[in-house]
Amino acid sequence: MKPPVIGILGTRTPSPKESPFLRLERDSTNNGYIGSIETAGGVPIMLPVVENLSETLLAAQLAVCDGILIPGGQDVDPELYGQNASPLLGRVHRQSDLYHLKVLELAKRAGLPLLGICRGMQLLNVSYGGTLWQDVSLSPLRAGS
């Protein structure tokens, strides 16, 4: 039986200050995700963030995947769920958010299994029309209440 191929959505970040490629951003993933997929018998592949959000290109990325892992990372751009940015909002990367949300739309349409971790769960929530607390300190809910 063929092992499942799990696409890990890439995370785009600035190049380190010591990099000779300061103007270029990097797409990466956490090696813990890679190792966990391998340990579970899957084949991990990283899906890099692309600028071109055409369904043809993204469908080609998804065509090789049996499931998608949406990793943790930066905050989700609040404009994508109808809010203005709070002063407590952390760093966001809008192009990554747009790419991830479009991939989720196509993956859901294709019936692919999805696993969100931390930010990944937040993106899944937004992809289904939900909103977020931009910082947990803004939530009226407290332990024991």
Protein backbone atom coordinates (compact mmCIF):
# COMPACT_ATOMS: atom_id res chain seq x y z
CA MET A 1 0.00 0.00 0.00
CA LYS A 2 1.26 3.45 -0.94
CA PRO A 3 2.04 5.70 2.05
CA PRO A 4 -0.04 8.90 2.24
CA VAL A 5 1.58 12.07 0.91
CA ILE A 6 0.95 14.94 3.32
CA GLY A 7 1.37 18.47 2.02
CA ILE A 8 2.67 20.87 4.66
CA LEU A 9 1.78 24.46 3.86
CA GLY A 10 4.95 26.55 3.80
CA THR A 11 5.49 29.57 6.01
CA ARG A 12 6.98 32.70 4.43
CA THR A 13 9.40 34.74 6.55
CA PRO A 14 12.03 37.43 5.95
CA SER A 15 15.59 36.31 5.30
CA PRO A 16 17.93 36.47 8.30
CA LYS A 17 20.00 39.66 8.58
CA GLU A 18 23.20 37.75 7.78
CA SER A 19 21.77 36.33 4.53
CA PRO A 20 23.26 37.48 1.21
CA PHE A 21 19.67 37.42 -0.11
CA LEU A 22 18.12 40.09 2.12
CA ARG A 23 15.51 41.11 -0.44
CA LEU A 24 14.19 37.57 -0.78
CA GLU A 25 11.81 35.97 1.68
CA ARG A 26 12.05 32.30 2.64
CA ASP A 27 9.47 29.54 2.62
CA SER A 28 10.03 26.93 5.30
CA THR A 29 8.42 24.54 7.71
CA ASN A 30 9.16 23.17 11.16
CA ASN A 31 11.16 19.92 11.04
CA GLY A 32 8.96 18.58 13.86
CA TYR A 33 6.06 18.40 11.40
CA ILE A 34 8.23 16.56 8.88
CA GLY A 35 9.45 14.04 11.46
CA SER A 36 5.97 13.41 12.84
CA ILE A 37 4.58 12.65 9.39
CA GLU A 38 7.49 10.30 8.70
CA THR A 39 7.05 8.55 12.06
CA ALA A 40 3.36 8.04 11.29
CA GLY A 41 4.28 6.37 7.97
CA GLY A 42 3.50 9.30 5.68
CA VAL A 43 5.53 11.12 3.07
CA PRO A 44 5.91 14.82 3.95
CA ILE A 45 6.21 17.44 1.21
CA MET A 46 6.25 21.19 1.63
CA LEU A 47 3.94 23.32 -0.47
CA PRO A 48 5.61 26.72 -0.89
CA VAL A 49 3.64 29.96 -0.77
CA VAL A 50 3.08 31.15 -4.34
CA GLU A 51 2.10 34.61 -5.58
CA ASN A 52 -0.11 33.24 -8.36
CA LEU A 53 -3.31 32.05 -6.70
CA SER A 54 -4.78 30.51 -9.85
CA GLU A 55 -6.89 27.44 -9.19
CA THR A 56 -4.95 25.58 -11.89
CA LEU A 57 -1.61 26.05 -10.13
CA LEU A 58 -2.94 25.34 -6.65
CA ALA A 59 -4.91 22.30 -7.83
CA ALA A 60 -1.67 20.94 -9.31
CA GLN A 61 0.02 21.36 -5.91
CA LEU A 62 -2.86 19.57 -4.19
CA ALA A 63 -3.08 16.79 -6.79
CA VAL A 64 -0.07 15.02 -5.28
CA CYS A 65 -1.40 15.23 -1.71
CA ASP A 66 -3.53 12.81 0.27
CA GLY A 67 -3.92 15.29 3.14
CA ILE A 68 -2.87 18.79 4.19
CA LEU A 69 -1.18 20.00 7.37
CA ILE A 70 -1.72 23.69 8.15
CA PRO A 71 1.08 24.60 10.56
CA GLY A 72 1.40 27.10 13.36
CA GLY A 73 3.06 30.45 12.81
CA GLN A 74 2.31 34.15 12.63
CA ASP A 75 -1.00 35.82 13.35
CA VAL A 76 -3.74 35.82 10.70
CA ASP A 77 -4.39 39.20 9.04
CA PRO A 78 -7.56 40.48 10.76
CA GLU A 79 -8.77 42.17 7.55
CA LEU A 80 -9.40 38.64 6.24
CA TYR A 81 -12.07 38.12 8.90
CA GLY A 82 -13.51 41.63 8.86
CA GLN A 83 -11.63 43.29 11.74
CA ASN A 84 -9.18 46.15 12.14
CA ALA A 85 -5.77 45.35 13.59
CA SER A 86 -5.44 45.54 17.37
CA PRO A 87 -2.28 47.12 18.84
CA LEU A 88 -1.66 43.67 20.40
CA LEU A 89 -1.63 41.93 17.00
CA GLY A 90 1.62 40.12 16.23
CA ARG A 91 3.36 39.93 12.87
CA VAL A 92 1.24 38.92 9.86
CA HIS A 93 2.12 37.94 6.29
CA ARG A 94 -0.87 38.69 4.06
CA GLN A 95 0.38 36.78 0.99
CA SER A 96 0.83 33.63 3.09
CA ASP A 97 -2.66 34.08 4.53
CA LEU A 98 -4.21 34.54 1.08
CA TYR A 99 -2.35 31.49 -0.26
CA HIS A 100 -3.28 29.32 2.73
CA LEU A 101 -6.96 30.32 2.57
CA LYS A 102 -7.15 29.61 -1.18
CA VAL A 103 -5.47 26.21 -0.69
CA LEU A 104 -7.95 25.42 2.09
CA GLU A 105 -10.87 26.36 -0.16
CA LEU A 106 -9.65 24.00 -2.89
CA ALA A 107 -8.67 21.22 -0.46
CA LYS A 108 -12.12 21.32 1.17
CA ARG A 109 -13.75 21.20 -2.25
CA ALA A 110 -11.58 18.17 -3.15
CA GLY A 111 -12.45 16.42 0.13
CA LEU A 112 -8.84 16.26 1.35
CA PRO A 113 -8.31 15.64 5.07
CA LEU A 114 -7.05 18.77 6.87
CA LEU A 115 -5.11 19.09 10.12
CA GLY A 116 -4.57 22.54 11.61
CA ILE A 117 -2.06 23.17 14.38
CA CYS A 118 -2.42 26.41 16.37
CA ARG A 119 -2.46 29.08 13.60
CA GLY A 120 -3.64 26.32 11.29
CA MET A 121 -6.81 25.91 13.37
CA GLN A 122 -7.30 29.66 13.28
CA LEU A 123 -7.02 29.63 9.48
CA LEU A 124 -9.52 26.77 9.27
CA ASN A 125 -11.91 28.82 11.40
CA VAL A 126 -11.50 31.87 9.13
CA SER A 127 -11.90 29.69 6.01
CA TYR A 128 -15.33 28.65 7.31
CA GLY A 129 -16.34 32.28 7.94
CA GLY A 130 -15.31 32.54 11.58
CA THR A 131 -13.52 35.34 13.42
CA LEU A 132 -10.71 35.38 15.97
CA TRP A 133 -9.62 37.07 19.16
CA GLN A 134 -6.46 38.85 17.98
CA ASP A 135 -4.91 38.38 21.41
CA VAL A 136 -6.19 36.14 24.21
CA SER A 137 -5.99 39.07 26.62
CA LEU A 138 -8.83 40.69 24.63
CA SER A 139 -11.16 37.76 25.31
CA PRO A 140 -13.80 38.28 28.01
CA LEU A 141 -13.49 34.60 28.97
CA ARG A 142 -11.27 33.78 31.91
CA ALA A 143 -10.38 30.53 33.64
CA GLY A 144 -13.02 29.64 36.19
CA SER A 145 -15.68 31.90 34.69
